Amino acid sequence: MGTPRRFCPVSAVPFAQSWTSSLSEDLRDSISILDDASPRNMNRHTIGFAQIGDVKGLESEVVVLVDMPRPGHSETLRSLHYVGMSRARALLSMICC
């Protein structure tokens, strides 16, 4: 696994469609939007926003899952939730809006 990050909001949707994009400007400015390569090069003290597919195989001390669809019986939804939830090393939180 990659070097763990301190905190990472993880979403099922891109940042522009996420509720995190509606945070105050100060908070938004402190978040780096990650792609599938950038988490490996990121300082562990940076707050990074990532889509679930971009964090597969990486860990973070704290993961906050946002914008997640309701869990269902489909294999795709179970996989999406598993990948997002299993990235946390110490604390996992889910925000449902």
PDB file of N, CA and C in Angstrom:
ATOM      1  N   MET A   1       0.835  -1.190   0.000  1.00  0.00           N
ATOM      2  CA  MET A   1       0.000   0.000   0.000  1.00  0.00           C
ATOM      3  C   MET A   1       0.878   1.250   0.000  1.00  0.00           C
ATOM      4  N   GLY A   2       0.296   2.362  -0.438  1.00  0.00           N
ATOM      5  CA  GLY A   2       1.026   3.618  -0.472  1.00  0.00           C
ATOM      6  C   GLY A   2       1.185   4.212   0.907  1.00  0.00           C
ATOM      7  N   THR A   3       1.920   5.297   1.008  1.00  0.00           N
ATOM      8  CA  THR A   3       2.101   6.002   2.269  1.00  0.00           C
ATOM      9  C   THR A   3       0.770   6.556   2.726  1.00  0.00           C
ATOM     10  N   PRO A   4       0.362   6.301   3.985  1.00  0.00           N
ATOM     11  CA  PRO A   4      -0.934   6.775   4.436  1.00  0.00           C
ATOM     12  C   PRO A   4      -1.007   8.296   4.524  1.00  0.00           C
ATOM     13  N   ARG A   5      -2.107   8.852   4.136  1.00  0.00           N
ATOM     14  CA  ARG A   5      -2.390  10.280   4.285  1.00  0.00           C
ATOM     15  C   ARG A   5      -3.041  10.481   5.642  1.00  0.00           C
ATOM     16  N   ARG A   6      -3.071  11.704   6.080  1.00  0.00           N
ATOM     17  CA  ARG A   6      -3.682  12.010   7.358  1.00  0.00           C
ATOM     18  C   ARG A   6      -5.200  12.058   7.249  1.00  0.00           C
ATOM     19  N   PHE A   7      -5.733  12.708   6.216  1.00  0.00           N
ATOM     20  CA  PHE A   7      -7.166  12.906   6.075  1.00  0.00           C
ATOM     21  C   PHE A   7      -7.520  12.971   4.604  1.00  0.00           C
ATOM     22  N   CYS A   8      -8.554  12.274   4.225  1.00  0.00           N
ATOM     23  CA  CYS A   8      -8.940  12.277   2.818  1.00  0.00           C
ATOM     24  C   CYS A   8     -10.438  12.088   2.659  1.00  0.00           C
ATOM     25  N   PRO A   9     -11.159  13.135   2.205  1.00  0.00           N
ATOM     26  CA  PRO A   9     -12.548  12.899   1.811  1.00  0.00           C
ATOM     27  C   PRO A   9     -12.556  12.067   0.532  1.00  0.00           C
ATOM     28  N   VAL A  10     -13.379  11.038   0.501  1.00  0.00           N
ATOM     29  CA  VAL A  10     -13.478  10.147  -0.644  1.00  0.00           C
ATOM     30  C   VAL A  10     -14.929  10.134  -1.097  1.00  0.00           C
ATOM     31  N   SER A  11     -15.134  10.293  -2.397  1.00  0.00           N
ATOM     32  CA  SER A  11     -16.477  10.438  -2.938  1.00  0.00           C
ATOM     33  C   SER A  11     -16.717   9.507  -4.111  1.00  0.00           C
ATOM     34  N   ALA A  12     -17.986   9.254  -4.358  1.00  0.00           N
ATOM     35  CA  ALA A  12     -18.381   8.469  -5.527  1.00  0.00           C
ATOM     36  C   ALA A  12     -18.473   9.349  -6.770  1.00  0.00           C
ATOM     37  N   VAL A  13     -18.428  10.668  -6.591  1.00  0.00           N
ATOM     38  CA  VAL A  13     -18.590  11.602  -7.711  1.00  0.00           C
ATOM     39  C   VAL A  13     -17.409  12.574  -7.762  1.00  0.00           C
ATOM     40  N   PRO A  14     -17.192  13.254  -8.895  1.00  0.00           N
ATOM     41  CA  PRO A  14     -16.116  14.257  -8.984  1.00  0.00           C
ATOM     42  C   PRO A  14     -16.361  15.426  -8.027  1.00  0.00           C
ATOM     43  N   PHE A  15     -15.280  16.148  -7.703  1.00  0.00           N
ATOM     44  CA  PHE A  15     -15.354  17.262  -6.750  1.00  0.00           C
ATOM     45  C   PHE A  15     -16.444  18.267  -7.127  1.00  0.00           C
ATOM     46  N   ALA A  16     -16.537  18.631  -8.389  1.00  0.00           N
ATOM     47  CA  ALA A  16     -17.515  19.641  -8.818  1.00  0.00           C
ATOM     48  C   ALA A  16     -18.954  19.208  -8.537  1.00  0.00           C
ATOM     49  N   GLN A  17     -19.212  17.915  -8.471  1.00  0.00           N
ATOM     50  CA  GLN A  17     -20.556  17.400  -8.188  1.00  0.00           C
ATOM     51  C   GLN A  17     -20.743  17.035  -6.725  1.00  0.00           C
ATOM     52  N   SER A  18     -19.690  17.093  -5.951  1.00  0.00           N
ATOM     53  CA  SER A  18     -19.727  16.699  -4.547  1.00  0.00           C
ATOM     54  C   SER A  18     -20.227  17.828  -3.666  1.00  0.00           C
ATOM     55  N   TRP A  19     -20.835  17.471  -2.537  1.00  0.00           N
ATOM     56  CA  TRP A  19     -21.262  18.510  -1.590  1.00  0.00           C
ATOM     57  C   TRP A  19     -20.053  19.241  -1.022  1.00  0.00           C
ATOM     58  N   THR A  20     -18.865  18.630  -1.062  1.00  0.00           N
ATOM     59  CA  THR A  20     -17.674  19.312  -0.551  1.00  0.00           C
ATOM     60  C   THR A  20     -17.323  20.549  -1.367  1.00  0.00           C
ATOM     61  N   SER A  21     -17.761  20.616  -2.603  1.00  0.00           N
ATOM     62  CA  SER A  21     -17.493  21.805  -3.421  1.00  0.00           C
ATOM     63  C   SER A  21     -18.310  23.009  -2.949  1.00  0.00           C
ATOM     64  N   SER A  22     -19.284  22.783  -2.088  1.00  0.00           N
ATOM     65  CA  SER A  22     -20.090  23.886  -1.561  1.00  0.00           C
ATOM     66  C   SER A  22     -19.585  24.383  -0.196  1.00  0.00           C
ATOM     67  N   LEU A  23     -18.455  23.857   0.266  1.00  0.00           N
ATOM     68  CA  LEU A  23     -17.865  24.334   1.516  1.00  0.00           C
ATOM     69  C   LEU A  23     -17.386  25.774   1.343  1.00  0.00           C
ATOM     70  N   SER A  24     -17.082  26.417   2.448  1.00  0.00           N
ATOM     71  CA  SER A  24     -16.575  27.790   2.373  1.00  0.00           C
ATOM     72  C   SER A  24     -15.299  27.829   1.536  1.00  0.00           C
ATOM     73  N   GLU A  25     -15.011  28.991   0.988  1.00  0.00           N
ATOM     74  CA  GLU A  25     -13.834  29.148   0.131  1.00  0.00           C
ATOM     75  C   GLU A  25     -12.549  28.774   0.866  1.00  0.00           C
ATOM     76  N   ASP A  26     -12.443  29.155   2.146  1.00  0.00           N
ATOM     77  CA  ASP A  26     -11.245  28.816   2.924  1.00  0.00           C
ATOM     78  C   ASP A  26     -11.048  27.305   3.011  1.00  0.00           C
ATOM     79  N   LEU A  27     -12.122  26.579   3.266  1.00  0.00           N
ATOM     80  CA  LEU A  27     -12.021  25.126   3.350  1.00  0.00           C
ATOM     81  C   LEU A  27     -11.724  24.514   1.986  1.00  0.00           C
ATOM     82  N   ARG A  28     -12.395  24.986   0.957  1.00  0.00           N
ATOM     83  CA  ARG A  28     -12.148  24.468  -0.396  1.00  0.00           C
ATOM     84  C   ARG A  28     -10.693  24.685  -0.805  1.00  0.00           C
ATOM     85  N   ASP A  29     -10.132  25.834  -0.438  1.00  0.00           N
ATOM     86  CA  ASP A  29      -8.748  26.130  -0.802  1.00  0.00           C
ATOM     87  C   ASP A  29      -7.739  25.217  -0.103  1.00  0.00           C
ATOM     88  N   SER A  30      -8.137  24.581   0.980  1.00  0.00           N
ATOM     89  CA  SER A  30      -7.227  23.697   1.707  1.00  0.00           C
ATOM     90  C   SER A  30      -7.298  22.251   1.208  1.00  0.00           C
ATOM     91  N   ILE A  31      -8.139  21.993   0.217  1.00  0.00           N
ATOM     92  CA  ILE A  31      -8.322  20.644  -0.311  1.00  0.00           C
ATOM     93  C   ILE A  31      -7.656  20.528  -1.679  1.00  0.00           C
ATOM     94  N   SER A  32      -6.856  19.498  -1.832  1.00  0.00           N
ATOM     95  CA  SER A  32      -6.246  19.197  -3.132  1.00  0.00           C
ATOM     96  C   SER A  32      -7.069  18.104  -3.805  1.00  0.00           C
ATOM     97  N   ILE A  33      -7.454  18.340  -5.046  1.00  0.00           N
ATOM     98  CA  ILE A  33      -8.204  17.330  -5.783  1.00  0.00           C
ATOM     99  C   ILE A  33      -7.209  16.355  -6.378  1.00  0.00           C
ATOM    100  N   LEU A  34      -7.390  15.094  -6.065  1.00  0.00           N
ATOM    101  CA  LEU A  34      -6.447  14.055  -6.452  1.00  0.00           C
ATOM    102  C   LEU A  34      -6.946  13.275  -7.659  1.00  0.00           C
ATOM    103  N   ASP A  35      -6.006  12.751  -8.427  1.00  0.00           N
ATOM    104  CA  ASP A  35      -6.350  11.815  -9.481  1.00  0.00           C
ATOM    105  C   ASP A  35      -5.665  10.490  -9.153  1.00  0.00           C
ATOM    106  N   ASP A  36      -5.673   9.546 -10.067  1.00  0.00           N
ATOM    107  CA  ASP A  36      -5.126   8.230  -9.742  1.00  0.00           C
ATOM    108  C   ASP A  36      -3.625   8.221  -9.482  1.00  0.00           C
ATOM    109  N   ALA A  37      -2.883   9.248  -9.893  1.00  0.00           N
ATOM    110  CA  ALA A  37      -1.429   9.296  -9.668  1.00  0.00           C
ATOM    111  C   ALA A  37      -1.042  10.198  -8.504  1.00  0.00           C
ATOM    112  N   SER A  38      -1.742  11.293  -8.295  1.00  0.00           N
ATOM    113  CA  SER A  38      -1.313  12.291  -7.315  1.00  0.00           C
ATOM    114  C   SER A  38      -1.284  11.825  -5.864  1.00  0.00           C
ATOM    115  N   PRO A  39      -2.133  10.883  -5.396  1.00  0.00           N
ATOM    116  CA  PRO A  39      -2.017  10.487  -3.988  1.00  0.00           C
ATOM    117  C   PRO A  39      -0.655   9.933  -3.623  1.00  0.00           C
ATOM    118  N   ARG A  40       0.016   9.317  -4.557  1.00  0.00           N
ATOM    119  CA  ARG A  40       1.324   8.738  -4.273  1.00  0.00           C
ATOM    120  C   ARG A  40       2.412   9.797  -4.091  1.00  0.00           C
ATOM    121  N   ASN A  41       2.168  11.004  -4.610  1.00  0.00           N
ATOM    122  CA  ASN A  41       3.160  12.078  -4.541  1.00  0.00           C
ATOM    123  C   ASN A  41       2.791  13.165  -3.540  1.00  0.00           C
ATOM    124  N   MET A  42       1.734  12.984  -2.821  1.00  0.00           N
ATOM    125  CA  MET A  42       1.173  14.009  -1.962  1.00  0.00           C
ATOM    126  C   MET A  42       1.792  13.974  -0.568  1.00  0.00           C
ATOM    127  N   ASN A  43       1.977  15.126   0.035  1.00  0.00           N
ATOM    128  CA  ASN A  43       2.419  15.234   1.415  1.00  0.00           C
ATOM    129  C   ASN A  43       1.356  14.620   2.314  1.00  0.00           C
ATOM    130  N   ARG A  44       1.753  13.835   3.287  1.00  0.00           N
ATOM    131  CA  ARG A  44       0.781  13.134   4.132  1.00  0.00           C
ATOM    132  C   ARG A  44      -0.053  14.079   5.006  1.00  0.00           C
ATOM    133  N   HIS A  45       0.324  15.347   5.105  1.00  0.00           N
ATOM    134  CA  HIS A  45      -0.439  16.296   5.915  1.00  0.00           C
ATOM    135  C   HIS A  45      -1.425  17.115   5.088  1.00  0.00           C
ATOM    136  N   THR A  46      -1.478  16.859   3.798  1.00  0.00           N
ATOM    137  CA  THR A  46      -2.389  17.561   2.911  1.00  0.00           C
ATOM    138  C   THR A  46      -3.764  16.901   2.949  1.00  0.00           C
ATOM    139  N   ILE A  47      -4.808  17.715   2.865  1.00  0.00           N
ATOM    140  CA  ILE A  47      -6.157  17.181   2.732  1.00  0.00           C
ATOM    141  C   ILE A  47      -6.389  16.956   1.246  1.00  0.00           C
ATOM    142  N   GLY A  48      -6.685  15.737   0.877  1.00  0.00           N
ATOM    143  CA  GLY A  48      -6.903  15.418  -0.521  1.00  0.00           C
ATOM    144  C   GLY A  48      -8.303  14.891  -0.743  1.00  0.00           C
ATOM    145  N   PHE A  49      -8.965  15.384  -1.764  1.00  0.00           N
ATOM    146  CA  PHE A  49     -10.278  14.884  -2.158  1.00  0.00           C
ATOM    147  C   PHE A  49     -10.069  13.924  -3.321  1.00  0.00           C
ATOM    148  N   ALA A  50     -10.676  12.761  -3.246  1.00  0.00           N
ATOM    149  CA  ALA A  50     -10.502  11.796  -4.321  1.00  0.00           C
ATOM    150  C   ALA A  50     -11.788  11.033  -4.584  1.00  0.00           C
ATOM    151  N   GLN A  51     -11.928  10.624  -5.825  1.00  0.00           N
ATOM    152  CA  GLN A  51     -12.993   9.695  -6.152  1.00  0.00           C
ATOM    153  C   GLN A  51     -12.535   8.298  -5.756  1.00  0.00           C
ATOM    154  N   ILE A  52     -13.480   7.453  -5.465  1.00  0.00           N
ATOM    155  CA  ILE A  52     -13.162   6.126  -4.948  1.00  0.00           C
ATOM    156  C   ILE A  52     -12.188   5.366  -5.837  1.00  0.00           C
ATOM    157  N   GLY A  53     -12.366   5.398  -7.130  1.00  0.00           N
ATOM    158  CA  GLY A  53     -11.481   4.663  -8.031  1.00  0.00           C
ATOM    159  C   GLY A  53     -10.043   5.129  -7.981  1.00  0.00           C
ATOM    160  N   ASP A  54      -9.825   6.370  -7.546  1.00  0.00           N
ATOM    161  CA  ASP A  54      -8.470   6.926  -7.500  1.00  0.00           C
ATOM    162  C   ASP A  54      -7.722   6.590  -6.210  1.00  0.00           C
ATOM    163  N   VAL A  55      -8.402   6.006  -5.230  1.00  0.00           N
ATOM    164  CA  VAL A  55      -7.730   5.659  -3.973  1.00  0.00           C
ATOM    165  C   VAL A  55      -7.618   4.154  -3.770  1.00  0.00           C
ATOM    166  N   LYS A  56      -8.043   3.405  -4.753  1.00  0.00           N
ATOM    167  CA  LYS A  56      -7.949   1.956  -4.629  1.00  0.00           C
ATOM    168  C   LYS A  56      -6.486   1.571  -4.431  1.00  0.00           C
ATOM    169  N   GLY A  57      -6.201   0.824  -3.382  1.00  0.00           N
ATOM    170  CA  GLY A  57      -4.838   0.416  -3.078  1.00  0.00           C
ATOM    171  C   GLY A  57      -4.086   1.387  -2.186  1.00  0.00           C
ATOM    172  N   LEU A  58      -4.680   2.529  -1.844  1.00  0.00           N
ATOM    173  CA  LEU A  58      -4.045   3.506  -0.955  1.00  0.00           C
ATOM    174  C   LEU A  58      -4.794   3.562   0.366  1.00  0.00           C
ATOM    175  N   GLU A  59      -4.143   4.082   1.397  1.00  0.00           N
ATOM    176  CA  GLU A  59      -4.751   4.222   2.708  1.00  0.00           C
ATOM    177  C   GLU A  59      -4.629   5.649   3.194  1.00  0.00           C
ATOM    178  N   SER A  60      -5.467   5.993   4.158  1.00  0.00           N
ATOM    179  CA  SER A  60      -5.410   7.279   4.822  1.00  0.00           C
ATOM    180  C   SER A  60      -5.718   7.037   6.291  1.00  0.00           C
ATOM    181  N   GLU A  61      -5.118   7.823   7.165  1.00  0.00           N
ATOM    182  CA  GLU A  61      -5.420   7.672   8.591  1.00  0.00           C
ATOM    183  C   GLU A  61      -6.910   7.887   8.840  1.00  0.00           C
ATOM    184  N   VAL A  62      -7.456   8.946   8.246  1.00  0.00           N
ATOM    185  CA  VAL A  62      -8.871   9.284   8.401  1.00  0.00           C
ATOM    186  C   VAL A  62      -9.495   9.373   7.016  1.00  0.00           C
ATOM    187  N   VAL A  63     -10.592   8.667   6.828  1.00  0.00           N
ATOM    188  CA  VAL A  63     -11.343   8.730   5.581  1.00  0.00           C
ATOM    189  C   VAL A  63     -12.762   9.169   5.910  1.00  0.00           C
ATOM    190  N   VAL A  64     -13.233  10.147   5.156  1.00  0.00           N
ATOM    191  CA  VAL A  64     -14.619  10.587   5.260  1.00  0.00           C
ATOM    192  C   VAL A  64     -15.272  10.281   3.922  1.00  0.00           C
ATOM    193  N   LEU A  65     -16.194   9.337   3.918  1.00  0.00           N
ATOM    194  CA  LEU A  65     -16.915   9.007   2.695  1.00  0.00           C
ATOM    195  C   LEU A  65     -18.064   9.984   2.531  1.00  0.00           C
ATOM    196  N   VAL A  66     -18.146  10.583   1.359  1.00  0.00           N
ATOM    197  CA  VAL A  66     -19.202  11.553   1.064  1.00  0.00           C
ATOM    198  C   VAL A  66     -19.852  11.182  -0.267  1.00  0.00           C
ATOM    199  N   ASP A  67     -21.069  11.667  -0.460  1.00  0.00           N
ATOM    200  CA  ASP A  67     -21.779  11.506  -1.734  1.00  0.00           C
ATOM    201  C   ASP A  67     -21.983  10.039  -2.121  1.00  0.00           C
ATOM    202  N   MET A  68     -22.056   9.171  -1.159  1.00  0.00           N
ATOM    203  CA  MET A  68     -22.187   7.748  -1.458  1.00  0.00           C
ATOM    204  C   MET A  68     -23.647   7.384  -1.722  1.00  0.00           C
ATOM    205  N   PRO A  69     -23.877   6.542  -2.728  1.00  0.00           N
ATOM    206  CA  PRO A  69     -25.238   6.044  -2.928  1.00  0.00           C
ATOM    207  C   PRO A  69     -25.605   5.106  -1.778  1.00  0.00           C
ATOM    208  N   ARG A  70     -26.870   4.923  -1.576  1.00  0.00           N
ATOM    209  CA  ARG A  70     -27.300   3.988  -0.530  1.00  0.00           C
ATOM    210  C   ARG A  70     -26.783   2.591  -0.868  1.00  0.00           C
ATOM    211  N   PRO A  71     -26.348   1.868   0.171  1.00  0.00           N
ATOM    212  CA  PRO A  71     -25.907   0.495  -0.092  1.00  0.00           C
ATOM    213  C   PRO A  71     -27.073  -0.305  -0.681  1.00  0.00           C
ATOM    214  N   GLY A  72     -26.781  -1.182  -1.552  1.00  0.00           N
ATOM    215  CA  GLY A  72     -27.819  -1.989  -2.173  1.00  0.00           C
ATOM    216  C   GLY A  72     -27.359  -3.414  -2.356  1.00  0.00           C
ATOM    217  N   HIS A  73     -28.132  -4.122  -3.102  1.00  0.00           N
ATOM    218  CA  HIS A  73     -27.825  -5.528  -3.324  1.00  0.00           C
ATOM    219  C   HIS A  73     -26.938  -5.760  -4.545  1.00  0.00           C
ATOM    220  N   SER A  74     -26.667  -4.708  -5.299  1.00  0.00           N
ATOM    221  CA  SER A  74     -25.855  -4.908  -6.506  1.00  0.00           C
ATOM    222  C   SER A  74     -24.383  -5.057  -6.144  1.00  0.00           C
ATOM    223  N   GLU A  75     -23.691  -5.866  -6.906  1.00  0.00           N
ATOM    224  CA  GLU A  75     -22.264  -6.089  -6.698  1.00  0.00           C
ATOM    225  C   GLU A  75     -21.479  -4.791  -6.866  1.00  0.00           C
ATOM    226  N   THR A  76     -21.885  -3.943  -7.809  1.00  0.00           N
ATOM    227  CA  THR A  76     -21.201  -2.677  -8.055  1.00  0.00           C
ATOM    228  C   THR A  76     -21.261  -1.781  -6.830  1.00  0.00           C
ATOM    229  N   LEU A  77     -22.435  -1.651  -6.211  1.00  0.00           N
ATOM    230  CA  LEU A  77     -22.561  -0.812  -5.012  1.00  0.00           C
ATOM    231  C   LEU A  77     -21.781  -1.391  -3.842  1.00  0.00           C
ATOM    232  N   ARG A  78     -21.824  -2.690  -3.665  1.00  0.00           N
ATOM    233  CA  ARG A  78     -21.066  -3.308  -2.569  1.00  0.00           C
ATOM    234  C   ARG A  78     -19.572  -3.075  -2.763  1.00  0.00           C
ATOM    235  N   SER A  79     -19.106  -3.205  -3.989  1.00  0.00           N
ATOM    236  CA  SER A  79     -17.694  -2.984  -4.288  1.00  0.00           C
ATOM    237  C   SER A  79     -17.307  -1.530  -4.035  1.00  0.00           C
ATOM    238  N   LEU A  80     -18.135  -0.598  -4.468  1.00  0.00           N
ATOM    239  CA  LEU A  80     -17.892   0.827  -4.265  1.00  0.00           C
ATOM    240  C   LEU A  80     -17.755   1.138  -2.775  1.00  0.00           C
ATOM    241  N   HIS A  81     -18.674   0.634  -1.973  1.00  0.00           N
ATOM    242  CA  HIS A  81     -18.621   0.862  -0.528  1.00  0.00           C
ATOM    243  C   HIS A  81     -17.397   0.187   0.095  1.00  0.00           C
ATOM    244  N   TYR A  82     -17.101  -1.019  -0.315  1.00  0.00           N
ATOM    245  CA  TYR A  82     -15.953  -1.729   0.254  1.00  0.00           C
ATOM    246  C   TYR A  82     -14.654  -0.969  -0.008  1.00  0.00           C
ATOM    247  N   VAL A  83     -14.440  -0.568  -1.245  1.00  0.00           N
ATOM    248  CA  VAL A  83     -13.198   0.142  -1.581  1.00  0.00           C
ATOM    249  C   VAL A  83     -13.093   1.426  -0.769  1.00  0.00           C
ATOM    250  N   GLY A  84     -14.167   2.204  -0.706  1.00  0.00           N
ATOM    251  CA  GLY A  84     -14.138   3.457   0.055  1.00  0.00           C
ATOM    252  C   GLY A  84     -13.924   3.237   1.540  1.00  0.00           C
ATOM    253  N   MET A  85     -14.634   2.275   2.110  1.00  0.00           N
ATOM    254  CA  MET A  85     -14.574   2.046   3.555  1.00  0.00           C
ATOM    255  C   MET A  85     -13.263   1.406   3.996  1.00  0.00           C
ATOM    256  N   SER A  86     -12.653   0.638   3.136  1.00  0.00           N
ATOM    257  CA  SER A  86     -11.438  -0.075   3.542  1.00  0.00           C
ATOM    258  C   SER A  86     -10.170   0.762   3.383  1.00  0.00           C
ATOM    259  N   ARG A  87     -10.273   2.017   3.017  1.00  0.00           N
ATOM    260  CA  ARG A  87      -9.104   2.894   2.889  1.00  0.00           C
ATOM    261  C   ARG A  87      -8.681   3.479   4.231  1.00  0.00           C
ATOM    262  N   ALA A  88      -9.547   3.467   5.230  1.00  0.00           N
ATOM    263  CA  ALA A  88      -9.254   4.091   6.528  1.00  0.00           C
ATOM    264  C   ALA A  88      -8.385   3.191   7.390  1.00  0.00           C
ATOM    265  N   ARG A  89      -7.325   3.782   7.951  1.00  0.00           N
ATOM    266  CA  ARG A  89      -6.465   3.041   8.879  1.00  0.00           C
ATOM    267  C   ARG A  89      -6.921   3.216  10.319  1.00  0.00           C
ATOM    268  N   ALA A  90      -7.406   4.397  10.675  1.00  0.00           N
ATOM    269  CA  ALA A  90      -7.759   4.671  12.068  1.00  0.00           C
ATOM    270  C   ALA A  90      -9.214   5.080  12.264  1.00  0.00           C
ATOM    271  N   LEU A  91      -9.742   5.919  11.368  1.00  0.00           N
ATOM    272  CA  LEU A  91     -11.093   6.448  11.556  1.00  0.00           C
ATOM    273  C   LEU A  91     -11.824   6.531  10.235  1.00  0.00           C
ATOM    274  N   LEU A  92     -13.033   6.015  10.221  1.00  0.00           N
ATOM    275  CA  LEU A  92     -13.883   6.095   9.047  1.00  0.00           C
ATOM    276  C   LEU A  92     -15.160   6.811   9.441  1.00  0.00           C
ATOM    277  N   SER A  93     -15.544   7.775   8.630  1.00  0.00           N
ATOM    278  CA  SER A  93     -16.791   8.491   8.851  1.00  0.00           C
ATOM    279  C   SER A  93     -17.539   8.543   7.525  1.00  0.00           C
ATOM    280  N   MET A  94     -18.854   8.470   7.597  1.00  0.00           N
ATOM    281  CA  MET A  94     -19.677   8.593   6.391  1.00  0.00           C
ATOM    282  C   MET A  94     -20.631   9.746   6.602  1.00  0.00           C
ATOM    283  N   ILE A  95     -20.679  10.638   5.622  1.00  0.00           N
ATOM    284  CA  ILE A  95     -21.595  11.776   5.669  1.00  0.00           C
ATOM    285  C   ILE A  95     -22.644  11.548   4.601  1.00  0.00           C
ATOM    286  N   CYS A  96     -23.877  11.447   5.043  1.00  0.00           N
ATOM    287  CA  CYS A  96     -24.986  11.245   4.119  1.00  0.00           C
ATOM    288  C   CYS A  96     -25.761  12.542   4.011  1.00  0.00           C
ATOM    289  N   CYS A  97     -25.926  13.028   2.796  1.00  0.00           N
ATOM    290  CA  CYS A  97     -26.649  14.276   2.569  1.00  0.00           C
ATOM    291  C   CYS A  97     -27.864  14.019   1.705  1.00  0.00           C
TER     292      CYS A  97
END
